N, C-alpha and C. Protein backbone atom coordinates (compact mmCIF):
# COMPACT_ATOMS: atom_id res chain seq x y z
N MET A 1 20.19 26.44 45.55
CA MET A 1 19.51 25.72 44.50
C MET A 1 19.84 24.23 44.54
N LYS A 2 21.12 23.92 44.78
CA LYS A 2 21.53 22.53 44.87
C LYS A 2 20.88 21.84 46.06
N LEU A 3 20.73 22.59 47.15
CA LEU A 3 20.09 22.04 48.33
C LEU A 3 18.62 21.73 48.05
N PHE A 4 17.97 22.62 47.32
CA PHE A 4 16.56 22.42 46.96
C PHE A 4 16.39 21.16 46.10
N LEU A 5 17.25 20.98 45.11
CA LEU A 5 17.18 19.80 44.25
C LEU A 5 17.45 18.52 45.05
N LEU A 6 18.37 18.60 45.98
CA LEU A 6 18.68 17.45 46.81
C LEU A 6 17.47 17.06 47.67
N LEU A 7 16.78 18.06 48.23
CA LEU A 7 15.58 17.79 49.01
C LEU A 7 14.48 17.17 48.15
N LEU A 8 14.31 17.65 46.93
CA LEU A 8 13.31 17.08 46.03
C LEU A 8 13.60 15.62 45.71
N ILE A 9 14.84 15.32 45.45
CA ILE A 9 15.22 13.95 45.12
C ILE A 9 14.95 13.02 46.30
N LEU A 10 15.16 13.50 47.51
CA LEU A 10 14.95 12.67 48.68
C LEU A 10 13.47 12.52 49.03
N THR A 11 12.66 13.52 48.77
CA THR A 11 11.25 13.47 49.17
C THR A 11 10.34 12.83 48.12
N LEU A 12 10.69 12.86 46.88
CA LEU A 12 9.82 12.29 45.84
C LEU A 12 9.56 10.80 46.02
N PRO A 13 10.54 9.97 46.30
CA PRO A 13 10.25 8.55 46.48
C PRO A 13 9.30 8.29 47.65
N SER A 14 9.40 9.06 48.71
CA SER A 14 8.51 8.85 49.85
C SER A 14 7.08 9.26 49.51
N CYS A 15 6.90 10.26 48.68
CA CYS A 15 5.56 10.67 48.24
C CYS A 15 4.91 9.58 47.40
N GLN A 16 5.68 8.93 46.56
CA GLN A 16 5.14 7.86 45.73
C GLN A 16 4.71 6.67 46.57
N GLU A 17 5.44 6.37 47.64
CA GLU A 17 5.05 5.28 48.52
C GLU A 17 3.73 5.59 49.21
N GLU A 18 3.51 6.85 49.60
CA GLU A 18 2.25 7.24 50.22
C GLU A 18 1.09 7.05 49.26
N LYS A 19 1.27 7.37 47.99
CA LYS A 19 0.22 7.18 47.00
C LYS A 19 -0.12 5.71 46.85
N LYS A 20 0.89 4.85 46.85
CA LYS A 20 0.65 3.42 46.72
C LYS A 20 -0.12 2.89 47.92
N GLN A 21 0.19 3.41 49.12
CA GLN A 21 -0.49 2.95 50.32
C GLN A 21 -1.92 3.49 50.37
N ALA A 22 -2.17 4.65 49.81
CA ALA A 22 -3.50 5.24 49.85
C ALA A 22 -4.46 4.57 48.88
N ARG A 23 -3.96 3.87 47.85
CA ARG A 23 -4.83 3.29 46.83
C ARG A 23 -4.76 1.76 46.74
N PRO A 24 -4.60 1.04 47.82
CA PRO A 24 -4.52 -0.42 47.66
C PRO A 24 -5.86 -1.02 47.23
N ASP A 25 -6.98 -0.44 47.70
CA ASP A 25 -8.29 -0.97 47.32
C ASP A 25 -8.53 -0.82 45.82
N MET A 26 -8.15 0.32 45.29
CA MET A 26 -8.35 0.54 43.86
C MET A 26 -7.49 -0.41 43.04
N GLN A 27 -6.28 -0.69 43.51
CA GLN A 27 -5.41 -1.62 42.79
C GLN A 27 -5.96 -3.03 42.86
N LYS A 28 -6.53 -3.42 44.01
CA LYS A 28 -7.11 -4.76 44.13
C LYS A 28 -8.30 -4.91 43.19
N GLU A 29 -9.16 -3.89 43.12
CA GLU A 29 -10.31 -3.94 42.22
C GLU A 29 -9.87 -4.06 40.77
N ALA A 30 -8.85 -3.33 40.41
CA ALA A 30 -8.37 -3.38 39.03
C ALA A 30 -7.81 -4.76 38.70
N ASN A 31 -7.18 -5.41 39.67
CA ASN A 31 -6.59 -6.73 39.43
C ASN A 31 -7.63 -7.84 39.42
N THR A 32 -8.79 -7.64 40.06
CA THR A 32 -9.80 -8.69 40.16
C THR A 32 -10.94 -8.53 39.18
N ARG A 33 -10.79 -7.71 38.17
CA ARG A 33 -11.85 -7.55 37.17
C ARG A 33 -12.06 -8.85 36.42
N ASN A 34 -13.29 -9.07 36.03
CA ASN A 34 -13.64 -10.27 35.28
C ASN A 34 -13.10 -10.14 33.85
N THR A 35 -12.40 -11.15 33.39
CA THR A 35 -11.83 -11.08 32.03
C THR A 35 -12.91 -11.06 30.97
N ASN A 36 -14.05 -11.71 31.22
CA ASN A 36 -15.15 -11.67 30.24
C ASN A 36 -15.67 -10.25 30.08
N GLU A 37 -15.78 -9.52 31.18
CA GLU A 37 -16.24 -8.14 31.10
C GLU A 37 -15.25 -7.30 30.31
N GLU A 38 -13.97 -7.53 30.50
CA GLU A 38 -12.96 -6.77 29.77
C GLU A 38 -13.04 -7.07 28.28
N GLU A 39 -13.30 -8.33 27.91
CA GLU A 39 -13.42 -8.68 26.50
C GLU A 39 -14.63 -8.00 25.88
N LYS A 40 -15.76 -8.00 26.60
CA LYS A 40 -16.96 -7.38 26.07
C LYS A 40 -16.79 -5.87 25.94
N GLN A 41 -16.08 -5.26 26.89
CA GLN A 41 -15.91 -3.82 26.86
C GLN A 41 -14.84 -3.38 25.89
N SER A 42 -14.13 -4.32 25.29
CA SER A 42 -13.09 -3.93 24.35
C SER A 42 -13.69 -3.25 23.13
N LEU A 43 -14.92 -3.59 22.77
CA LEU A 43 -15.58 -2.91 21.66
C LEU A 43 -15.88 -1.46 22.00
N LEU A 44 -16.05 -1.17 23.27
CA LEU A 44 -16.39 0.18 23.69
C LEU A 44 -15.22 1.15 23.53
N ASN A 45 -14.03 0.65 23.35
CA ASN A 45 -12.86 1.50 23.21
C ASN A 45 -12.69 2.06 21.81
N VAL A 46 -13.55 1.67 20.90
CA VAL A 46 -13.50 2.18 19.53
C VAL A 46 -14.21 3.53 19.51
N PRO A 47 -13.62 4.57 18.93
CA PRO A 47 -14.25 5.89 18.96
C PRO A 47 -15.52 5.95 18.11
N ALA A 48 -16.44 6.82 18.51
CA ALA A 48 -17.67 7.02 17.75
C ALA A 48 -17.33 7.51 16.36
N GLY A 49 -18.03 6.98 15.38
CA GLY A 49 -17.79 7.35 14.00
C GLY A 49 -16.85 6.41 13.27
N ALA A 50 -16.20 5.51 14.01
CA ALA A 50 -15.29 4.55 13.37
C ALA A 50 -16.09 3.57 12.52
N VAL A 51 -15.52 3.16 11.41
CA VAL A 51 -16.17 2.21 10.50
C VAL A 51 -15.35 0.93 10.50
N ILE A 52 -16.04 -0.18 10.72
CA ILE A 52 -15.41 -1.50 10.73
C ILE A 52 -16.04 -2.31 9.61
N GLU A 53 -15.24 -3.02 8.84
CA GLU A 53 -15.76 -3.84 7.75
C GLU A 53 -15.60 -5.32 8.08
N ASN A 54 -16.58 -6.11 7.63
CA ASN A 54 -16.56 -7.57 7.76
C ASN A 54 -16.36 -8.03 9.21
N LEU A 55 -17.25 -7.59 10.08
CA LEU A 55 -17.21 -7.96 11.49
C LEU A 55 -17.93 -9.30 11.68
N VAL A 56 -17.34 -10.22 12.43
CA VAL A 56 -17.94 -11.52 12.71
C VAL A 56 -18.01 -11.68 14.23
N LEU A 57 -19.23 -11.94 14.75
CA LEU A 57 -19.42 -12.11 16.19
C LEU A 57 -20.06 -13.47 16.46
N PRO A 58 -19.28 -14.48 16.86
CA PRO A 58 -19.86 -15.79 17.21
C PRO A 58 -20.26 -15.82 18.68
N TYR A 59 -21.30 -16.58 18.98
CA TYR A 59 -21.75 -16.75 20.36
C TYR A 59 -21.83 -18.24 20.67
N TYR A 60 -21.32 -18.62 21.85
CA TYR A 60 -21.31 -20.00 22.29
C TYR A 60 -21.99 -20.10 23.65
N ASN A 61 -22.54 -21.31 23.96
CA ASN A 61 -23.11 -21.52 25.28
C ASN A 61 -22.02 -21.99 26.24
N ASP A 62 -22.41 -22.37 27.45
CA ASP A 62 -21.43 -22.78 28.46
C ASP A 62 -20.70 -24.07 28.08
N ASP A 63 -21.34 -24.89 27.24
CA ASP A 63 -20.73 -26.15 26.80
C ASP A 63 -19.90 -25.98 25.54
N ARG A 64 -19.64 -24.74 25.16
CA ARG A 64 -18.84 -24.41 23.96
C ARG A 64 -19.50 -24.86 22.66
N LYS A 65 -20.84 -24.88 22.65
CA LYS A 65 -21.56 -25.19 21.42
C LYS A 65 -22.07 -23.89 20.82
N LYS A 66 -22.12 -23.84 19.50
CA LYS A 66 -22.56 -22.63 18.82
C LYS A 66 -24.02 -22.32 19.14
N VAL A 67 -24.30 -21.06 19.42
CA VAL A 67 -25.66 -20.59 19.65
C VAL A 67 -26.10 -19.73 18.47
N SER A 68 -25.25 -18.77 18.09
CA SER A 68 -25.57 -17.89 16.97
C SER A 68 -24.28 -17.33 16.39
N LEU A 69 -24.41 -16.82 15.18
CA LEU A 69 -23.29 -16.20 14.50
C LEU A 69 -23.82 -14.98 13.77
N LEU A 70 -23.20 -13.84 14.00
CA LEU A 70 -23.59 -12.59 13.36
C LEU A 70 -22.44 -12.12 12.48
N THR A 71 -22.74 -11.84 11.22
CA THR A 71 -21.74 -11.23 10.33
C THR A 71 -22.31 -9.92 9.83
N ILE A 72 -21.47 -8.90 9.82
CA ILE A 72 -21.89 -7.57 9.40
C ILE A 72 -20.89 -7.08 8.36
N LYS A 73 -21.40 -6.68 7.21
CA LYS A 73 -20.52 -6.21 6.13
C LYS A 73 -19.85 -4.90 6.50
N GLU A 74 -20.64 -3.94 7.04
CA GLU A 74 -20.08 -2.65 7.42
C GLU A 74 -20.74 -2.15 8.69
N VAL A 75 -19.92 -1.75 9.66
CA VAL A 75 -20.40 -1.29 10.97
C VAL A 75 -19.89 0.11 11.23
N THR A 76 -20.78 0.97 11.74
CA THR A 76 -20.39 2.31 12.19
C THR A 76 -20.66 2.39 13.69
N VAL A 77 -19.68 2.81 14.46
CA VAL A 77 -19.82 2.93 15.91
C VAL A 77 -20.52 4.24 16.21
N ALA A 78 -21.59 4.17 17.02
CA ALA A 78 -22.35 5.37 17.40
C ALA A 78 -22.60 5.32 18.89
N ASP A 79 -22.59 6.48 19.52
CA ASP A 79 -22.92 6.59 20.94
C ASP A 79 -24.31 7.16 21.07
N ASP A 80 -25.12 6.55 21.95
CA ASP A 80 -26.46 7.05 22.22
C ASP A 80 -26.38 7.90 23.49
N ALA A 81 -26.41 9.21 23.33
CA ALA A 81 -26.24 10.12 24.47
C ALA A 81 -27.40 10.02 25.45
N ARG A 82 -28.59 9.60 24.98
CA ARG A 82 -29.74 9.51 25.87
C ARG A 82 -29.55 8.44 26.93
N ILE A 83 -28.99 7.32 26.54
CA ILE A 83 -28.82 6.21 27.49
C ILE A 83 -27.36 5.93 27.79
N ASP A 84 -26.46 6.72 27.24
CA ASP A 84 -25.02 6.60 27.49
C ASP A 84 -24.51 5.18 27.19
N LYS A 85 -24.92 4.66 26.04
CA LYS A 85 -24.50 3.33 25.62
C LYS A 85 -23.92 3.40 24.21
N THR A 86 -23.13 2.41 23.88
CA THR A 86 -22.56 2.32 22.54
C THR A 86 -23.43 1.42 21.68
N ILE A 87 -23.69 1.87 20.47
CA ILE A 87 -24.49 1.12 19.51
C ILE A 87 -23.66 0.96 18.25
N LEU A 88 -23.70 -0.23 17.69
CA LEU A 88 -23.07 -0.47 16.41
C LEU A 88 -24.15 -0.50 15.34
N LYS A 89 -24.07 0.41 14.38
CA LYS A 89 -25.05 0.47 13.30
C LYS A 89 -24.49 -0.32 12.13
N GLY A 90 -25.19 -1.41 11.78
CA GLY A 90 -24.68 -2.31 10.76
C GLY A 90 -25.48 -2.28 9.48
N GLU A 91 -24.80 -2.56 8.38
CA GLU A 91 -25.41 -2.68 7.06
C GLU A 91 -25.07 -4.06 6.51
N ASN A 92 -26.02 -4.67 5.81
CA ASN A 92 -25.84 -5.99 5.19
C ASN A 92 -25.41 -7.03 6.23
N LEU A 93 -26.37 -7.44 7.04
CA LEU A 93 -26.11 -8.38 8.13
C LEU A 93 -26.66 -9.76 7.80
N LYS A 94 -26.05 -10.77 8.39
CA LYS A 94 -26.57 -12.14 8.34
C LYS A 94 -26.47 -12.72 9.74
N VAL A 95 -27.53 -13.43 10.14
CA VAL A 95 -27.57 -14.07 11.45
C VAL A 95 -27.87 -15.55 11.23
N TRP A 96 -27.03 -16.39 11.80
CA TRP A 96 -27.28 -17.83 11.79
C TRP A 96 -27.62 -18.24 13.21
N LEU A 97 -28.74 -18.95 13.38
CA LEU A 97 -29.12 -19.49 14.68
C LEU A 97 -28.91 -21.00 14.62
N PHE A 98 -28.37 -21.57 15.69
CA PHE A 98 -28.03 -22.99 15.71
C PHE A 98 -28.90 -23.73 16.72
N ASP A 99 -29.11 -25.04 16.48
CA ASP A 99 -29.86 -25.86 17.43
C ASP A 99 -28.91 -26.42 18.50
N GLU A 100 -29.44 -27.29 19.36
CA GLU A 100 -28.65 -27.81 20.48
C GLU A 100 -27.45 -28.64 20.02
N ASP A 101 -27.56 -29.24 18.83
CA ASP A 101 -26.47 -30.07 18.32
C ASP A 101 -25.42 -29.27 17.56
N GLY A 102 -25.65 -27.98 17.38
CA GLY A 102 -24.71 -27.14 16.66
C GLY A 102 -24.98 -27.04 15.17
N ALA A 103 -26.11 -27.62 14.72
CA ALA A 103 -26.48 -27.53 13.31
C ALA A 103 -27.24 -26.23 13.06
N ILE A 104 -27.15 -25.71 11.86
CA ILE A 104 -27.83 -24.46 11.53
C ILE A 104 -29.34 -24.68 11.55
N ARG A 105 -30.04 -23.86 12.32
CA ARG A 105 -31.49 -23.93 12.42
C ARG A 105 -32.15 -22.97 11.45
N SER A 106 -31.59 -21.75 11.34
CA SER A 106 -32.15 -20.76 10.42
C SER A 106 -31.07 -19.77 10.01
N THR A 107 -31.31 -19.16 8.86
CA THR A 107 -30.43 -18.11 8.35
C THR A 107 -31.29 -16.88 8.13
N THR A 108 -30.80 -15.73 8.57
CA THR A 108 -31.55 -14.49 8.45
C THR A 108 -30.70 -13.45 7.74
N VAL A 109 -31.33 -12.73 6.81
CA VAL A 109 -30.67 -11.65 6.08
C VAL A 109 -31.36 -10.35 6.46
N ILE A 110 -30.56 -9.35 6.84
CA ILE A 110 -31.09 -8.06 7.28
C ILE A 110 -30.32 -6.96 6.56
N SER A 111 -31.04 -5.97 6.02
CA SER A 111 -30.35 -4.90 5.30
C SER A 111 -29.65 -3.93 6.25
N SER A 112 -30.29 -3.55 7.36
CA SER A 112 -29.63 -2.68 8.34
C SER A 112 -30.24 -2.91 9.72
N ALA A 113 -29.39 -2.79 10.75
CA ALA A 113 -29.83 -3.02 12.12
C ALA A 113 -28.86 -2.38 13.09
N ASP A 114 -29.29 -2.26 14.34
CA ASP A 114 -28.45 -1.74 15.42
C ASP A 114 -28.08 -2.89 16.35
N TYR A 115 -26.80 -2.99 16.68
CA TYR A 115 -26.33 -3.99 17.63
C TYR A 115 -26.09 -3.27 18.95
N LEU A 116 -26.84 -3.66 19.98
CA LEU A 116 -26.70 -3.06 21.31
C LEU A 116 -25.61 -3.83 22.05
N VAL A 117 -24.47 -3.20 22.25
CA VAL A 117 -23.29 -3.87 22.79
C VAL A 117 -23.56 -4.41 24.19
N ASN A 118 -24.15 -3.62 25.07
CA ASN A 118 -24.34 -4.03 26.45
C ASN A 118 -25.35 -5.16 26.59
N LYS A 119 -26.40 -5.18 25.76
CA LYS A 119 -27.43 -6.21 25.84
C LYS A 119 -27.14 -7.41 24.95
N GLU A 120 -26.17 -7.27 24.06
CA GLU A 120 -25.84 -8.30 23.08
C GLU A 120 -27.08 -8.69 22.27
N GLN A 121 -27.81 -7.66 21.85
CA GLN A 121 -29.01 -7.85 21.05
C GLN A 121 -28.87 -7.11 19.73
N LEU A 122 -29.54 -7.65 18.74
CA LEU A 122 -29.59 -7.03 17.43
C LEU A 122 -31.02 -6.56 17.20
N VAL A 123 -31.20 -5.28 16.91
CA VAL A 123 -32.53 -4.72 16.69
C VAL A 123 -32.60 -4.24 15.25
N ALA A 124 -33.47 -4.87 14.48
CA ALA A 124 -33.63 -4.52 13.07
C ALA A 124 -34.93 -3.77 12.89
N LYS A 125 -34.85 -2.64 12.20
CA LYS A 125 -36.05 -1.86 11.88
C LYS A 125 -36.26 -1.81 10.37
N SER A 126 -35.55 -2.67 9.67
CA SER A 126 -35.69 -2.76 8.22
C SER A 126 -36.18 -4.18 7.89
N GLU A 127 -36.26 -4.47 6.61
CA GLU A 127 -36.78 -5.77 6.19
C GLU A 127 -35.89 -6.92 6.67
N VAL A 128 -36.55 -7.95 7.20
CA VAL A 128 -35.88 -9.14 7.71
C VAL A 128 -36.41 -10.34 6.95
N LEU A 129 -35.52 -11.17 6.44
CA LEU A 129 -35.90 -12.40 5.75
C LEU A 129 -35.24 -13.57 6.46
N MET A 130 -36.06 -14.46 7.04
CA MET A 130 -35.56 -15.61 7.79
C MET A 130 -35.99 -16.88 7.07
N VAL A 131 -35.04 -17.78 6.84
CA VAL A 131 -35.31 -19.04 6.15
C VAL A 131 -34.79 -20.18 7.01
N GLY A 132 -35.62 -21.21 7.18
CA GLY A 132 -35.20 -22.39 7.93
C GLY A 132 -34.18 -23.19 7.15
N SER A 133 -33.30 -23.87 7.85
CA SER A 133 -32.24 -24.61 7.17
C SER A 133 -32.77 -25.76 6.34
N ASP A 134 -33.87 -26.34 6.77
CA ASP A 134 -34.45 -27.45 6.02
C ASP A 134 -35.40 -26.97 4.92
N GLY A 135 -35.57 -25.67 4.79
CA GLY A 135 -36.43 -25.10 3.76
C GLY A 135 -37.91 -25.26 4.04
N LYS A 136 -38.28 -25.67 5.25
CA LYS A 136 -39.68 -25.88 5.57
C LYS A 136 -40.40 -24.62 6.01
N PHE A 137 -39.66 -23.55 6.27
CA PHE A 137 -40.33 -22.29 6.59
C PHE A 137 -39.50 -21.12 6.10
N ALA A 138 -40.23 -20.04 5.84
CA ALA A 138 -39.61 -18.76 5.49
C ALA A 138 -40.50 -17.67 6.07
N ALA A 139 -39.89 -16.62 6.57
CA ALA A 139 -40.64 -15.51 7.15
C ALA A 139 -40.02 -14.21 6.70
N LYS A 140 -40.89 -13.23 6.48
CA LYS A 140 -40.45 -11.91 6.06
C LYS A 140 -41.18 -10.90 6.94
N SER A 141 -40.44 -9.94 7.50
CA SER A 141 -41.07 -8.96 8.38
C SER A 141 -40.42 -7.60 8.20
N LYS A 142 -40.99 -6.62 8.87
CA LYS A 142 -40.48 -5.24 8.81
C LYS A 142 -39.50 -4.94 9.93
N GLY A 143 -39.11 -5.94 10.68
CA GLY A 143 -38.14 -5.73 11.76
C GLY A 143 -38.04 -6.96 12.63
N GLY A 144 -37.14 -6.90 13.60
CA GLY A 144 -36.98 -8.02 14.51
C GLY A 144 -35.99 -7.72 15.61
N ILE A 145 -36.05 -8.53 16.65
CA ILE A 145 -35.11 -8.43 17.76
C ILE A 145 -34.48 -9.81 17.94
N PHE A 146 -33.16 -9.85 17.95
CA PHE A 146 -32.43 -11.10 18.05
C PHE A 146 -31.58 -11.09 19.31
N SER A 147 -31.79 -12.09 20.16
CA SER A 147 -30.93 -12.27 21.34
C SER A 147 -29.85 -13.25 20.93
N LEU A 148 -28.67 -12.75 20.70
CA LEU A 148 -27.59 -13.58 20.16
C LEU A 148 -27.02 -14.54 21.20
N THR A 149 -27.17 -14.24 22.48
CA THR A 149 -26.64 -15.13 23.51
C THR A 149 -27.54 -16.34 23.74
N THR A 150 -28.83 -16.22 23.43
CA THR A 150 -29.76 -17.34 23.62
C THR A 150 -30.18 -17.99 22.31
N GLY A 151 -29.92 -17.34 21.19
CA GLY A 151 -30.32 -17.89 19.89
C GLY A 151 -31.80 -17.75 19.62
N GLN A 152 -32.44 -16.75 20.21
CA GLN A 152 -33.87 -16.53 20.02
C GLN A 152 -34.10 -15.28 19.20
N ALA A 153 -35.25 -15.26 18.50
CA ALA A 153 -35.58 -14.11 17.67
C ALA A 153 -37.08 -13.84 17.74
N ILE A 154 -37.42 -12.57 17.66
CA ILE A 154 -38.81 -12.14 17.57
C ILE A 154 -38.93 -11.29 16.32
N LEU A 155 -39.83 -11.68 15.42
CA LEU A 155 -40.05 -10.88 14.22
C LEU A 155 -41.16 -9.89 14.50
N LEU A 156 -40.96 -8.65 14.07
CA LEU A 156 -41.93 -7.59 14.30
C LEU A 156 -42.75 -7.38 13.03
N GLY A 157 -44.04 -7.14 13.20
CA GLY A 157 -44.96 -7.05 12.07
C GLY A 157 -44.98 -5.70 11.42
N PRO A 158 -45.64 -5.63 10.31
CA PRO A 158 -46.35 -6.73 9.66
C PRO A 158 -45.38 -7.77 9.12
N ALA A 159 -45.81 -9.02 9.18
CA ALA A 159 -44.94 -10.12 8.76
C ALA A 159 -45.75 -11.15 7.98
N THR A 160 -45.05 -11.87 7.14
CA THR A 160 -45.66 -12.98 6.42
C THR A 160 -44.79 -14.20 6.64
N ALA A 161 -45.42 -15.36 6.66
CA ALA A 161 -44.68 -16.60 6.86
C ALA A 161 -45.20 -17.65 5.90
N GLN A 162 -44.31 -18.53 5.49
CA GLN A 162 -44.68 -19.62 4.60
C GLN A 162 -44.11 -20.90 5.19
N PHE A 163 -44.98 -21.91 5.31
CA PHE A 163 -44.56 -23.20 5.85
C PHE A 163 -44.82 -24.27 4.81
N LYS A 164 -43.90 -25.18 4.66
CA LYS A 164 -44.08 -26.32 3.76
C LYS A 164 -44.43 -27.53 4.62
N ILE A 165 -45.64 -28.02 4.41
CA ILE A 165 -46.11 -29.18 5.15
C ILE A 165 -46.10 -30.37 4.19
N PRO A 166 -45.52 -31.48 4.59
CA PRO A 166 -45.48 -32.62 3.69
C PRO A 166 -46.90 -33.12 3.39
N GLN A 167 -47.08 -33.58 2.16
CA GLN A 167 -48.39 -34.07 1.76
C GLN A 167 -48.70 -35.37 2.49
N LYS A 168 -49.99 -35.52 2.76
CA LYS A 168 -50.43 -36.75 3.42
C LYS A 168 -50.36 -37.90 2.44
N LYS A 169 -49.92 -39.01 2.91
CA LYS A 169 -49.87 -40.20 2.07
C LYS A 169 -51.18 -40.96 2.25
N ASP A 170 -51.70 -41.41 1.14
CA ASP A 170 -52.93 -42.21 1.20
C ASP A 170 -52.60 -43.59 1.73
N ILE A 171 -53.28 -43.95 2.77
CA ILE A 171 -53.09 -45.27 3.36
C ILE A 171 -54.36 -46.06 3.11
N GLU A 172 -54.19 -47.19 2.50
CA GLU A 172 -55.35 -48.04 2.22
C GLU A 172 -55.68 -48.85 3.45
N ALA A 173 -56.97 -48.95 3.70
CA ALA A 173 -57.42 -49.74 4.84
C ALA A 173 -57.30 -51.23 4.52
N PRO A 174 -56.93 -52.04 5.48
CA PRO A 174 -56.79 -53.47 5.21
C PRO A 174 -58.10 -54.18 5.04
């Protein structure tokens, strides 16, 4: 029995070295992963059914200027088995879209929507109310798709919009 234990002690370290030599490619791949991908996938590690409160997701462009800001009062993590993707189902959402200078361009209020983690898109199938920061426009629709990385939005109909156009000033002819 003592001889058997002695043989095990001597052979185990050599077996571990063989495993390390057999997997150098896998170790290199693990070490060279993109840190941005790891940050984005960190949301995927939350189990389905988990509830997160007061989630804030800011988006910036390459020049570190604000593009959009998403705030969600309550989020439930759900997995879509059909497409094998993670979806965050949010309630009481607000989306701020910014212009090139970083000033608020519009504010949007949404009662419920799905955030597609892999596409970084927000898909609303409930009422959407979008108001321009200068108060010159307001739009209301039955849904919308928001690309948070580009700061673009598409409102889905039926929709109504209101625009405030400044009154023309009467100019007297000379």
